[in-house]
Amino acid sequence: MAFAFFLWAPRGGRYVVKPLDGIAPLRRDERMKAIRDQAARNAFSATVVALAAVTTYFGVIALNDVPVTILNAILALGLLTYAASDYWLRRS
């Protein structure tokens, strides 16, 4: 798997190859850091909005405890939002 990573990394768009750095030629540039930060902000926003909706529903309408499966779904939503946002921002 490590060999496959080092074959993929220079072509994957996540790293910049700088041969002058010697043993560690893979680096992230400012654009990649900005994309990562924007994707994290998007995922955080989606998670907060989903948590607010669930809190409102179970606090005002249903008056029950929040099931763990819904909390797991919210975490999965945040992860998917991060991955989709990261992919979308790298395309442009």
C-alpha atoms as a PDB file:
ATOM      1  CA  MET A   1       0.000   0.000   0.000  1.00  0.00           C
ATOM      2  CA  ALA A   2       2.854   2.368   0.758  1.00  0.00           C
ATOM      3  CA  PHE A   3       4.337   1.731  -2.672  1.00  0.00           C
ATOM      4  CA  ALA A   4       0.961   2.460  -4.298  1.00  0.00           C
ATOM      5  CA  PHE A   5       0.729   5.703  -2.312  1.00  0.00           C
ATOM      6  CA  PHE A   6       4.097   6.914  -3.556  1.00  0.00           C
ATOM      7  CA  LEU A   7       3.107   6.067  -7.116  1.00  0.00           C
ATOM      8  CA  TRP A   8      -0.200   7.926  -6.748  1.00  0.00           C
ATOM      9  CA  ALA A   9       0.918  10.953  -4.684  1.00  0.00           C
ATOM     10  CA  PRO A  10       2.820  12.908  -7.359  1.00  0.00           C
ATOM     11  CA  ARG A  11      -0.137  12.564  -9.743  1.00  0.00           C
ATOM     12  CA  GLY A  12      -2.977  12.862  -7.227  1.00  0.00           C
ATOM     13  CA  GLY A  13      -3.004  16.648  -6.968  1.00  0.00           C
ATOM     14  CA  ARG A  14      -2.670  16.730  -3.178  1.00  0.00           C
ATOM     15  CA  TYR A  15       1.085  17.206  -3.032  1.00  0.00           C
ATOM     16  CA  VAL A  16       3.753  19.210  -4.803  1.00  0.00           C
ATOM     17  CA  VAL A  17       6.897  17.303  -5.690  1.00  0.00           C
ATOM     18  CA  LYS A  18      10.064  19.215  -4.809  1.00  0.00           C
ATOM     19  CA  PRO A  19      13.088  17.033  -5.639  1.00  0.00           C
ATOM     20  CA  LEU A  20      15.463  19.490  -3.970  1.00  0.00           C
ATOM     21  CA  ASP A  21      14.030  18.578  -0.547  1.00  0.00           C
ATOM     22  CA  GLY A  22      15.940  15.300  -0.536  1.00  0.00           C
ATOM     23  CA  ILE A  23      14.345  12.487   1.429  1.00  0.00           C
ATOM     24  CA  ALA A  24      10.943  14.221   1.778  1.00  0.00           C
ATOM     25  CA  PRO A  25      10.065  15.573  -1.688  1.00  0.00           C
ATOM     26  CA  LEU A  26       6.274  15.628  -1.183  1.00  0.00           C
ATOM     27  CA  ARG A  27       4.990  18.909   0.238  1.00  0.00           C
ATOM     28  CA  ARG A  28       1.663  20.695   0.391  1.00  0.00           C
ATOM     29  CA  ASP A  29       1.543  24.149  -1.092  1.00  0.00           C
ATOM     30  CA  GLU A  30      -0.627  27.103  -0.072  1.00  0.00           C
ATOM     31  CA  ARG A  31      -3.396  26.206  -2.526  1.00  0.00           C
ATOM     32  CA  MET A  32      -3.756  22.708  -1.063  1.00  0.00           C
ATOM     33  CA  LYS A  33      -3.859  24.122   2.462  1.00  0.00           C
ATOM     34  CA  ALA A  34      -6.537  26.631   1.441  1.00  0.00           C
ATOM     35  CA  ILE A  35      -8.613  23.862  -0.159  1.00  0.00           C
ATOM     36  CA  ARG A  36      -8.281  21.687   2.937  1.00  0.00           C
ATOM     37  CA  ASP A  37      -9.332  24.575   5.181  1.00  0.00           C
ATOM     38  CA  GLN A  38     -12.332  25.455   2.991  1.00  0.00           C
ATOM     39  CA  ALA A  39     -13.457  21.813   2.881  1.00  0.00           C
ATOM     40  CA  ALA A  40     -13.184  21.619   6.679  1.00  0.00           C
ATOM     41  CA  ARG A  41     -15.255  24.793   7.050  1.00  0.00           C
ATOM     42  CA  ASN A  42     -17.910  23.396   4.728  1.00  0.00           C
ATOM     43  CA  ALA A  43     -18.062  20.124   6.671  1.00  0.00           C
ATOM     44  CA  PHE A  44     -18.254  21.962   9.993  1.00  0.00           C
ATOM     45  CA  SER A  45     -21.078  24.171   8.715  1.00  0.00           C
ATOM     46  CA  ALA A  46     -23.067  21.187   7.426  1.00  0.00           C
ATOM     47  CA  THR A  47     -22.591  19.347  10.727  1.00  0.00           C
ATOM     48  CA  VAL A  48     -23.662  22.347  12.804  1.00  0.00           C
ATOM     49  CA  VAL A  49     -26.787  22.907  10.702  1.00  0.00           C
ATOM     50  CA  ALA A  50     -27.724  19.221  10.930  1.00  0.00           C
ATOM     51  CA  LEU A  51     -27.169  19.206  14.702  1.00  0.00           C
ATOM     52  CA  ALA A  52     -29.295  22.333  15.071  1.00  0.00           C
ATOM     53  CA  ALA A  53     -32.107  20.726  13.080  1.00  0.00           C
ATOM     54  CA  VAL A  54     -31.976  17.514  15.126  1.00  0.00           C
ATOM     55  CA  THR A  55     -31.819  19.454  18.400  1.00  0.00           C
ATOM     56  CA  THR A  56     -34.804  21.549  17.389  1.00  0.00           C
ATOM     57  CA  TYR A  57     -36.818  18.525  16.292  1.00  0.00           C
ATOM     58  CA  PHE A  58     -36.135  16.393  19.362  1.00  0.00           C
ATOM     59  CA  GLY A  59     -36.286  19.351  21.756  1.00  0.00           C
ATOM     60  CA  VAL A  60     -39.515  20.941  20.539  1.00  0.00           C
ATOM     61  CA  ILE A  61     -41.508  18.463  18.459  1.00  0.00           C
ATOM     62  CA  ALA A  62     -40.653  14.879  19.453  1.00  0.00           C
ATOM     63  CA  LEU A  63     -39.600  15.487  23.092  1.00  0.00           C
ATOM     64  CA  ASN A  64     -37.488  12.315  23.143  1.00  0.00           C
ATOM     65  CA  ASP A  65     -33.834  11.455  23.421  1.00  0.00           C
ATOM     66  CA  VAL A  66     -31.812  11.647  20.227  1.00  0.00           C
ATOM     67  CA  PRO A  67     -31.054   8.160  18.855  1.00  0.00           C
ATOM     68  CA  VAL A  68     -27.383   7.325  18.403  1.00  0.00           C
ATOM     69  CA  THR A  69     -28.006   6.305  14.794  1.00  0.00           C
ATOM     70  CA  ILE A  70     -29.012   9.879  13.980  1.00  0.00           C
ATOM     71  CA  LEU A  71     -25.840  11.216  15.575  1.00  0.00           C
ATOM     72  CA  ASN A  72     -23.817   8.702  13.552  1.00  0.00           C
ATOM     73  CA  ALA A  73     -25.618   9.855  10.409  1.00  0.00           C
ATOM     74  CA  ILE A  74     -24.712  13.471  11.205  1.00  0.00           C
ATOM     75  CA  LEU A  75     -21.044  12.516  11.569  1.00  0.00           C
ATOM     76  CA  ALA A  76     -21.223  10.627   8.278  1.00  0.00           C
ATOM     77  CA  LEU A  77     -22.802  13.712   6.678  1.00  0.00           C
ATOM     78  CA  GLY A  78     -19.865  15.819   7.862  1.00  0.00           C
ATOM     79  CA  LEU A  79     -17.365  13.314   6.494  1.00  0.00           C
ATOM     80  CA  LEU A  80     -19.125  13.101   3.132  1.00  0.00           C
ATOM     81  CA  THR A  81     -19.389  16.888   2.963  1.00  0.00           C
ATOM     82  CA  TYR A  82     -15.650  17.182   3.582  1.00  0.00           C
ATOM     83  CA  ALA A  83     -14.796  14.593   0.928  1.00  0.00           C
ATOM     84  CA  ALA A  84     -17.168  16.058  -1.677  1.00  0.00           C
ATOM     85  CA  SER A  85     -16.060  19.626  -0.994  1.00  0.00           C
ATOM     86  CA  ASP A  86     -12.395  18.624  -1.145  1.00  0.00           C
ATOM     87  CA  TYR A  87     -12.953  16.858  -4.463  1.00  0.00           C
ATOM     88  CA  TRP A  88     -14.980  19.743  -5.919  1.00  0.00           C
ATOM     89  CA  LEU A  89     -12.469  22.415  -4.911  1.00  0.00           C
ATOM     90  CA  ARG A  90      -9.523  20.434  -6.319  1.00  0.00           C
ATOM     91  CA  ARG A  91     -11.254  20.168  -9.694  1.00  0.00           C
ATOM     92  CA  SER A  92     -11.233  23.916 -10.220  1.00  0.00           C
END
